[in-house]
Protein backbone atom coordinates (compact mmCIF):
# COMPACT_ATOMS: atom_id res chain seq x y z
CA MET A 1 88.04 111.92 105.55
CA GLU A 2 87.57 112.50 102.06
CA SER A 3 88.10 110.12 99.15
CA SER A 4 89.52 111.56 95.66
CA PRO A 5 87.50 112.19 92.65
CA PRO A 6 86.53 109.42 91.40
CA LYS A 7 87.55 107.14 88.65
CA GLU A 8 87.31 104.01 87.35
CA LYS A 9 89.45 101.33 89.08
CA ARG A 10 88.81 97.83 90.65
CA ALA A 11 89.92 96.56 93.77
CA THR A 12 93.59 95.86 94.54
CA LEU A 13 95.59 94.67 97.17
CA PHE A 14 98.82 96.17 98.31
CA SER A 15 100.93 94.83 100.81
CA LYS A 16 103.47 96.81 102.91
CA ARG A 17 106.67 96.27 100.58
CA GLU A 18 104.76 97.68 97.63
CA THR A 19 104.04 100.88 99.31
CA LYS A 20 106.71 103.14 99.66
CA ARG A 21 106.10 106.40 101.16
CA VAL A 22 107.30 109.00 103.83
CA GLU A 23 106.76 107.56 107.27
CA GLN A 24 103.73 109.23 109.32
CA LYS A 25 105.85 110.76 111.90
CA LEU A 26 103.21 111.64 115.23
CA GLU A 27 104.04 112.07 118.73
CA PRO A 28 104.21 109.30 121.23
CA SER A 29 100.72 107.26 121.49
CA PRO A 30 98.93 107.13 124.84
CA PRO A 31 98.07 104.10 126.28
CA ALA A 32 96.46 101.76 123.99
CA LEU A 33 92.92 101.16 124.00
CA LYS A 34 91.35 97.59 124.27
CA GLN A 35 90.94 95.89 120.90
CA VAL A 36 87.06 96.36 120.17
CA SER A 37 86.95 94.81 116.71
CA ALA A 38 88.25 90.87 115.11
CA LYS A 39 87.83 92.81 111.72
CA THR A 40 86.68 96.62 110.96
CA VAL A 41 86.93 98.19 107.36
CA ILE A 42 87.54 101.89 106.92
CA THR A 43 86.10 103.70 103.85
CA GLY A 44 88.14 106.62 103.30
CA GLY A 45 91.17 105.40 105.17
CA ALA A 46 94.03 106.78 102.96
CA GLY A 47 93.13 109.78 104.32
CA TYR A 48 95.02 111.38 107.11
CA PHE A 49 92.08 110.54 109.86
CA GLY A 50 91.25 107.01 108.48
CA PHE A 51 94.86 105.86 108.34
CA THR A 52 95.55 107.12 111.95
CA LEU A 53 92.37 105.04 113.12
CA GLY A 54 93.58 102.21 111.26
CA ARG A 55 96.92 102.06 112.71
CA ALA A 56 95.40 102.43 116.11
CA LEU A 57 92.85 99.62 115.71
CA ALA A 58 95.70 97.34 114.22
CA LYS A 59 98.29 98.32 116.63
CA ALA A 60 95.46 96.92 119.43
CA GLY A 61 95.22 93.43 117.47
CA THR A 62 91.96 94.19 114.76
CA ASP A 63 92.87 93.02 111.05
CA VAL A 64 92.04 96.51 109.41
CA ILE A 65 91.19 97.09 105.51
CA ILE A 66 91.53 100.73 104.52
CA TYR A 67 89.32 101.16 101.74
CA ASP A 68 90.19 103.94 99.39
CA ILE A 69 90.15 105.21 95.75
CA ARG A 70 93.58 106.33 96.64
CA LYS A 71 96.86 105.12 97.90
CA PRO A 72 98.13 106.54 101.74
CA LEU A 73 101.03 108.71 102.03
CA TRP A 74 102.51 106.27 104.42
CA PRO A 75 103.77 102.94 104.83
CA ILE A 76 101.06 100.67 105.49
CA PRO A 77 101.68 98.78 109.07
CA LYS A 78 101.49 95.31 109.79
CA GLY A 79 97.96 93.90 110.38
CA VAL A 80 96.54 96.61 107.67
CA VAL A 81 95.55 95.99 104.08
CA LEU A 82 94.78 98.22 101.28
CA VAL A 83 91.76 97.89 99.50
CA GLN A 84 91.86 100.32 96.33
CA ALA A 85 88.50 101.01 95.00
CA ASP A 86 85.27 103.01 95.16
CA ILE A 87 82.85 102.84 97.70
CA ARG A 88 80.25 102.88 94.56
CA HIS A 89 81.51 99.97 93.10
CA SER A 90 79.32 97.66 95.64
CA ASN A 91 80.94 94.54 94.54
CA ASP A 92 84.58 95.53 95.68
CA LEU A 93 83.10 97.01 98.95
CA HIS A 94 81.04 93.54 99.17
CA ALA A 95 84.09 91.56 99.27
CA ALA A 96 86.28 94.07 101.08
CA CYS A 97 83.49 93.52 104.08
CA GLU A 98 83.25 89.73 104.44
CA GLY A 99 84.06 88.71 107.77
CA ALA A 100 83.84 92.31 109.14
CA ASP A 101 81.99 93.00 112.38
CA CYS A 102 82.57 96.51 112.18
CA VAL A 103 82.76 99.16 109.18
CA ILE A 104 83.81 102.65 109.97
CA HIS A 105 82.43 104.97 107.07
CA ALA A 106 84.76 107.97 106.74
CA ALA A 107 84.92 108.41 103.07
CA ALA A 108 83.57 111.83 101.36
CA TYR A 109 83.87 114.23 98.82
CA GLY A 110 83.92 117.90 98.66
CA MET A 111 84.84 119.59 101.83
CA SER A 112 86.98 121.97 100.53
CA GLY A 113 88.89 123.76 97.39
CA ILE A 114 87.91 123.41 94.27
CA GLU A 115 86.07 120.07 95.28
CA GLN A 116 83.26 122.08 96.97
CA LEU A 117 82.00 123.13 93.89
CA HIS A 118 81.98 119.75 92.03
CA ARG A 119 78.19 119.12 92.89
CA ARG A 120 77.27 116.09 90.99
CA GLU A 121 80.64 114.19 92.71
CA ILE A 122 79.67 115.19 95.97
CA GLN A 123 76.03 113.91 95.51
CA SER A 124 77.36 110.70 94.00
CA VAL A 125 80.08 110.05 97.00
CA ASN A 126 78.56 111.48 99.82
CA VAL A 127 74.67 110.08 99.07
CA ARG A 128 74.85 107.43 97.09
CA GLY A 129 77.87 106.15 98.04
CA THR A 130 76.26 105.81 102.04
CA GLY A 131 73.53 103.72 100.67
CA ILE A 132 75.95 101.32 99.15
CA VAL A 133 77.84 101.14 102.49
CA ILE A 134 74.24 100.74 104.60
CA GLU A 135 73.17 97.84 102.03
CA VAL A 136 76.57 95.75 101.74
CA CYS A 137 76.71 96.28 105.78
CA LYS A 138 73.22 94.29 105.71
CA ARG A 139 74.09 91.47 103.51
CA GLN A 140 77.45 91.16 104.85
CA ASN A 141 76.32 90.33 108.48
CA VAL A 142 78.26 93.70 109.79
CA PRO A 143 76.57 94.45 112.97
CA ARG A 144 78.06 97.76 113.65
CA LEU A 145 78.22 100.92 111.27
CA ILE A 146 79.73 104.19 112.70
CA PHE A 147 79.79 107.27 110.40
CA THR A 148 82.41 110.12 110.66
CA SER A 149 79.91 113.24 109.88
CA THR A 150 80.48 116.48 110.59
CA VAL A 151 79.38 119.66 112.50
CA ASN A 152 78.29 121.14 108.95
CA VAL A 153 75.23 118.97 109.71
CA VAL A 154 73.47 121.66 112.37
CA PHE A 155 75.93 124.72 111.08
CA ALA A 156 75.42 126.79 107.87
CA GLY A 157 76.71 130.26 109.04
CA GLN A 158 74.00 131.20 111.85
CA ARG A 159 75.32 131.56 115.52
CA ILE A 160 75.44 128.40 117.70
CA LEU A 161 77.56 128.43 121.11
CA ASP A 162 77.86 125.42 123.05
CA GLY A 163 75.16 123.56 121.17
CA ASP A 164 74.32 120.09 121.97
CA GLU A 165 73.00 117.24 120.33
CA GLU A 166 69.28 117.55 121.92
CA SER A 167 68.93 121.02 121.28
CA THR A 168 70.71 121.85 117.89
CA PRO A 169 68.58 120.26 115.13
CA TYR A 170 69.77 119.68 111.41
CA PHE A 171 70.11 122.55 109.43
CA PRO A 172 67.06 122.64 106.49
CA LEU A 173 68.60 121.23 103.85
CA ALA A 174 66.79 123.44 101.29
CA GLU A 175 69.12 126.53 103.16
CA HIS A 176 72.54 124.92 103.32
CA VAL A 177 74.96 127.37 101.30
CA ASN A 178 77.45 124.23 100.01
CA GLU A 179 76.59 120.68 98.68
CA TYR A 180 79.32 119.01 101.18
CA SER A 181 77.15 120.03 104.00
CA ARG A 182 73.75 119.11 102.62
CA THR A 183 74.88 115.70 101.37
CA LYS A 184 76.80 115.06 104.66
CA SER A 185 73.56 115.63 106.37
CA ILE A 186 71.67 113.50 103.97
CA ALA A 187 73.98 110.62 104.76
CA GLU A 188 73.81 110.76 108.43
CA GLN A 189 70.71 110.66 108.50
CA MET A 190 70.39 107.59 106.49
CA ILE A 191 72.92 105.73 109.02
CA LEU A 192 70.82 106.43 111.61
CA SER A 193 67.78 105.61 110.25
CA ALA A 194 69.02 102.24 109.38
CA ASN A 195 69.93 101.61 112.89
CA GLY A 196 67.77 98.33 113.76
CA SER A 197 67.90 97.11 110.34
CA LEU A 198 67.60 92.94 109.85
CA LEU A 199 70.85 91.68 108.51
CA ALA A 200 70.47 88.65 105.90
CA GLY A 201 72.09 86.41 108.09
CA GLY A 202 69.79 87.46 111.63
CA GLY A 203 70.38 89.78 114.05
CA LYS A 204 70.41 93.74 113.72
CA LEU A 205 72.40 96.28 112.17
CA TYR A 206 74.01 99.29 115.25
CA THR A 207 74.73 102.48 113.84
CA CYS A 208 76.34 106.25 115.22
CA ALA A 209 77.54 109.04 114.01
CA LEU A 210 80.60 111.09 115.16
CA ARG A 211 80.60 114.86 114.26
CA PRO A 212 84.08 116.68 114.39
CA PRO A 213 85.08 119.90 113.17
CA GLY A 214 88.12 120.91 111.86
CA ILE A 215 90.92 118.08 112.48
CA TYR A 216 94.65 118.79 113.19
CA GLY A 217 97.75 116.89 113.98
CA PRO A 218 101.02 116.30 112.78
CA GLU A 219 101.39 115.66 108.79
CA GLU A 220 97.26 116.60 108.23
CA GLN A 221 97.48 117.59 104.64
CA ARG A 222 94.13 119.40 104.32
CA HIS A 223 93.83 122.23 106.34
CA MET A 224 97.38 122.99 107.72
CA PRO A 225 99.11 123.08 103.76
CA ARG A 226 95.86 125.33 102.91
CA MET A 227 95.84 127.73 105.88
CA ALA A 228 99.87 128.36 105.54
CA LEU A 229 99.01 129.21 101.75
CA ASN A 230 96.21 131.76 102.19
CA ILE A 231 98.52 133.38 104.94
CA GLU A 232 101.36 133.70 102.31
CA ARG A 233 99.46 134.95 99.52
CA GLY A 234 97.89 137.39 101.87
CA MET A 235 94.46 135.90 102.40
CA PHE A 236 95.07 136.48 106.06
CA ASN A 237 95.28 139.96 106.27
CA PHE A 238 91.80 140.66 106.48
CA ARG A 239 89.33 139.75 109.63
CA VAL A 240 86.38 138.78 108.50
CA GLY A 241 83.16 140.89 110.23
CA SER A 242 84.25 141.30 114.11
CA GLY A 243 87.01 138.70 114.09
CA LYS A 244 85.57 137.54 117.44
CA ALA A 245 83.85 134.50 116.54
CA LEU A 246 84.74 130.92 118.28
CA MET A 247 85.01 127.71 117.09
CA ASN A 248 86.42 124.08 117.77
CA TRP A 249 88.69 121.89 116.34
CA VAL A 250 89.68 118.22 117.35
CA HIS A 251 93.26 116.67 117.10
CA VAL A 252 92.95 113.41 115.12
CA LYS A 253 94.15 111.11 118.06
CA ASN A 254 91.50 112.18 120.05
CA LEU A 255 89.00 111.66 116.94
CA VAL A 256 90.60 107.99 116.87
CA GLN A 257 89.66 107.50 120.35
CA ALA A 258 86.22 108.72 119.93
CA HIS A 259 85.46 106.34 116.97
CA ILE A 260 87.16 103.26 119.04
CA LEU A 261 84.76 103.95 121.70
CA ALA A 262 82.11 104.37 119.53
CA ALA A 263 82.37 100.94 118.76
CA ASP A 264 82.69 99.70 121.90
CA ALA A 265 79.67 101.47 122.66
CA LEU A 266 77.50 99.18 119.83
CA THR A 267 78.07 96.08 121.46
CA PRO A 268 75.99 94.09 123.60
CA GLU A 269 78.57 94.38 126.58
CA LYS A 270 77.56 98.13 126.90
CA ASN A 271 73.59 97.55 126.27
CA TYR A 272 74.24 99.00 122.82
CA ILE A 273 74.39 102.62 124.14
CA ALA A 274 75.41 104.63 121.13
CA ALA A 275 72.99 102.74 118.76
CA GLY A 276 71.15 105.53 116.57
CA GLN A 277 72.80 108.20 118.62
CA ALA A 278 74.93 111.48 117.15
CA TYR A 279 77.95 112.80 118.99
CA PHE A 280 79.80 115.97 118.81
CA ILE A 281 83.39 115.31 119.17
CA ASN A 282 86.15 118.03 119.57
CA ASP A 283 89.24 119.03 122.05
CA GLY A 284 86.79 120.46 124.30
CA GLU A 285 88.23 123.92 123.73
CA SER A 286 86.64 126.91 122.16
CA VAL A 287 88.94 129.09 120.40
CA ASN A 288 88.78 132.14 118.11
CA LEU A 289 90.62 131.29 114.59
CA TYR A 290 92.78 133.78 114.38
CA ASP A 291 94.09 133.68 117.76
CA TRP A 292 94.71 129.96 117.47
CA LEU A 293 96.93 130.38 114.05
CA THR A 294 98.88 132.65 115.76
CA PRO A 295 101.86 129.70 115.69
CA LEU A 296 101.65 129.87 112.24
CA PHE A 297 101.67 133.23 111.71
CA GLU A 298 104.60 133.65 113.73
CA LYS A 299 106.77 130.58 112.12
CA LEU A 300 105.68 132.17 108.54
CA GLY A 301 106.99 135.13 109.30
CA ALA A 302 103.55 136.93 108.64
CA ARG A 303 101.46 139.75 110.31
CA LYS A 304 98.30 138.86 112.02
CA PRO A 305 95.09 140.45 110.28
CA TRP A 306 94.93 143.75 110.86
CA ILE A 307 92.30 144.68 108.32
CA THR A 308 88.49 144.26 109.02
CA ALA A 309 86.17 143.34 106.08
CA PRO A 310 82.52 143.55 106.31
CA ILE A 311 80.62 140.02 106.13
CA PHE A 312 78.23 141.35 103.46
CA LEU A 313 81.75 142.38 101.41
CA ALA A 314 83.09 138.97 101.82
CA HIS A 315 80.11 137.01 101.25
CA LEU A 316 79.85 139.45 98.05
CA SER A 317 83.60 138.47 96.69
CA ALA A 318 82.58 134.55 97.65
CA VAL A 319 79.52 134.71 95.17
CA LEU A 320 81.45 136.75 92.36
CA MET A 321 84.17 133.96 92.66
CA GLU A 322 81.84 131.14 92.65
CA TYR A 323 80.13 132.71 89.63
CA VAL A 324 82.61 133.48 87.43
CA HIS A 325 83.90 129.88 88.31
CA LEU A 326 80.68 128.58 87.17
CA VAL A 327 80.91 130.65 83.94
CA LEU A 328 84.56 129.69 82.94
CA LYS A 329 84.10 126.29 83.92
CA PRO A 330 83.52 124.57 80.40
CA PHE A 331 87.09 126.71 79.22
CA VAL A 332 89.13 126.20 82.48
CA GLU A 333 88.60 125.49 86.15
CA LEU A 334 90.10 127.88 88.23
CA THR A 335 89.87 127.51 92.00
CA PRO A 336 87.59 130.55 94.33
CA LEU A 337 90.12 131.65 96.35
CA VAL A 338 87.33 131.68 98.90
CA THR A 339 84.20 130.48 98.95
CA CYS A 340 80.16 131.36 100.80
CA TYR A 341 80.49 128.24 103.16
CA GLU A 342 84.51 129.27 104.33
CA VAL A 343 83.14 133.01 104.68
CA HIS A 344 80.40 131.65 107.32
CA HIS A 345 82.77 129.41 108.59
CA ILE A 346 85.07 131.90 109.82
CA SER A 347 82.85 134.61 110.65
CA SER A 348 80.32 132.63 112.49
CA THR A 349 80.35 131.58 116.26
CA HIS A 350 79.93 127.76 116.53
CA THR A 351 81.03 125.95 119.42
CA PHE A 352 79.92 122.62 120.97
CA LYS A 353 79.66 120.45 123.46
CA THR A 354 80.89 117.23 124.14
CA ASP A 355 78.84 115.97 127.36
CA LYS A 356 76.83 113.32 125.78
CA ALA A 357 80.21 111.72 124.38
CA ARG A 358 81.72 112.16 127.75
CA LYS A 359 78.86 110.11 129.81
CA GLN A 360 77.85 108.15 127.16
CA LEU A 361 81.46 106.94 125.52
CA GLY A 362 83.56 107.62 128.24
CA TYR A 363 85.29 110.21 125.83
CA ALA A 364 88.18 111.96 127.28
CA PRO A 365 89.96 114.19 124.94
CA LYS A 366 93.96 114.80 125.48
CA LYS A 367 95.63 118.24 125.56
CA TYR A 368 97.50 118.90 122.37
CA THR A 369 98.94 121.90 121.19
CA PHE A 370 98.76 123.55 117.57
CA ALA A 371 102.04 125.06 117.82
CA ASP A 372 103.75 121.50 118.12
CA CYS A 373 101.59 120.95 114.31
CA VAL A 374 103.00 123.73 113.21
CA GLU A 375 106.81 122.69 114.46
CA HIS A 376 106.02 119.32 112.47
CA PHE A 377 105.03 120.79 109.44
CA MET A 378 107.28 123.49 109.41
CA ALA A 379 110.58 121.09 109.44
CA ASN A 380 108.36 118.98 106.37
CA ARG A 381 106.98 121.25 103.92
CA PRO A 382 108.00 122.04 100.23
CA ARG A 383 110.07 125.32 99.60
CA ARG A 384 108.33 128.39 99.77
CA ARG A 385 106.36 129.33 96.75
CA ASN A 386 106.40 132.62 94.49
CA PHE A 387 103.21 134.06 93.95
CA PHE A 388 104.15 136.34 91.18
CA LEU A 389 102.34 133.71 88.42
CA LEU A 390 99.49 133.46 91.22
CA LYS A 391 99.04 137.31 91.23
CA LEU A 392 99.31 137.75 87.38
CA CYS A 393 96.74 134.88 87.11
CA LEU A 394 94.57 136.70 89.57
CA CYS A 395 94.85 139.86 87.80
CA MET A 396 93.75 138.08 84.37
CA LEU A 397 91.00 136.46 86.32
CA LEU A 398 89.77 140.14 87.31
CA PHE A 399 89.83 141.19 83.61
CA VAL A 400 87.64 138.34 82.61
CA SER A 401 85.44 139.16 85.08
CA LEU A 402 84.70 142.48 84.15
CA ILE A 403 84.04 141.23 81.11
CA VAL A 404 81.47 138.68 81.93
CA LEU A 405 79.91 141.48 83.91
CA SER A 406 80.07 143.74 81.07
CA VAL A 407 78.12 141.17 78.88
CA LYS A 408 75.63 139.56 81.29
CA TYR A 409 75.01 142.24 83.71
CA GLN A 410 71.62 141.49 84.51
CA GLU A 411 71.82 138.14 84.79
CA VAL A 412 74.82 138.79 87.27
CA THR A 413 72.37 141.12 89.05
CA ASP A 414 69.67 138.47 89.40
CA PHE A 415 72.03 135.81 90.63
CA LEU A 416 73.87 138.16 93.14
CA ARG A 417 70.34 139.33 94.46
CA GLU A 418 69.04 135.66 94.27
CA ARG A 419 72.14 135.02 96.69
CA TRP A 420 71.98 137.54 99.02
CA ALA A 421 68.38 136.70 99.74
CA GLN A 422 69.44 133.38 100.59
CA TYR A 423 72.37 134.63 103.07
CA ARG A 424 70.97 138.09 104.59
CA GLY A 425 69.36 135.86 107.35
CA MET A 426 73.13 134.47 108.78
CA VAL A 427 74.62 137.89 108.36
CA GLU A 428 75.35 139.33 111.59
């Protein structure tokens, strides 16, 4: 659901013949859903979720524009056109949305990895970009706008068990631990506030937001490779806290189903039932991360986590890594092994009910297994990497960190105290 780091590009069209990529091989599709749009624009459509959604819509007979700053990894199917441009380029987006009756805004930046620390780009893409999407929909008379949000708009490390849309409020913006979550919350509220806005040619704009957790599926390119890499690095030798926290995941096809149903639920035939609404979307199961990852541990020949790390120690490590990244950024950009957000994510129970989506949208998640996705990943992953150089770099990073601490001891101490004051209310 993410766009790549911003670069100055003009809109370019790519046909199926011009895109020579590895074909995306997914398991057999469930029965096709009905056509709910004549023309749909998907921002961030070159990502795993956006591309899978675009392909499903095209198969149902919809003309699809996938709008992204980068090309997809897979061949573009019939009925799908790629517009390669930035969502912050208003003119390009305006041209792409001509004649569209639905926009699905899935473009975002800063979800994971080093991107989490690029605050300015996160704000620019997630907030300013969303504002441009809304304005283009109004000017181009697009009546439906669906926002691919995240559970992070309500979660920032506190315990949530079976939360629902009515009883789980937005987490305070000033208290979010990472910029991605904060800006996604702002963007979702912008989208929902735009519901009922007047279109330039008459009529109204109807909007809704879907809140998925982590996405998995065959050829998923963000979570699976990163988890496998961290397992091989030995990062999953540790259980943070009790190691019993629960969370949800969503298979990409269940998330696709939810978006198509949401598009239908913003039509007069369905009495605009989804207008102005937000929905939690997941597989309908709560799982423990370490248990859920068992098939991946087994395929990698790795031992499941056996060392318990206190949450405070994990937070402290993440804070130090983020601080070292900040200090060294003018000279070299090093990806922290773990961030504060990631510590919160794996150490705190946060599960959500899908009752509202089931009742209002007709959402009915199908059963998929993570083990099947692991089989596909292992059959297609690159050769195993040698981590000698990585370990050498970590030793050098530790050495540099000690130098930083010795030179700026008081500044680092004040920084740690400030961050701990911010996090202590969330530590179990």
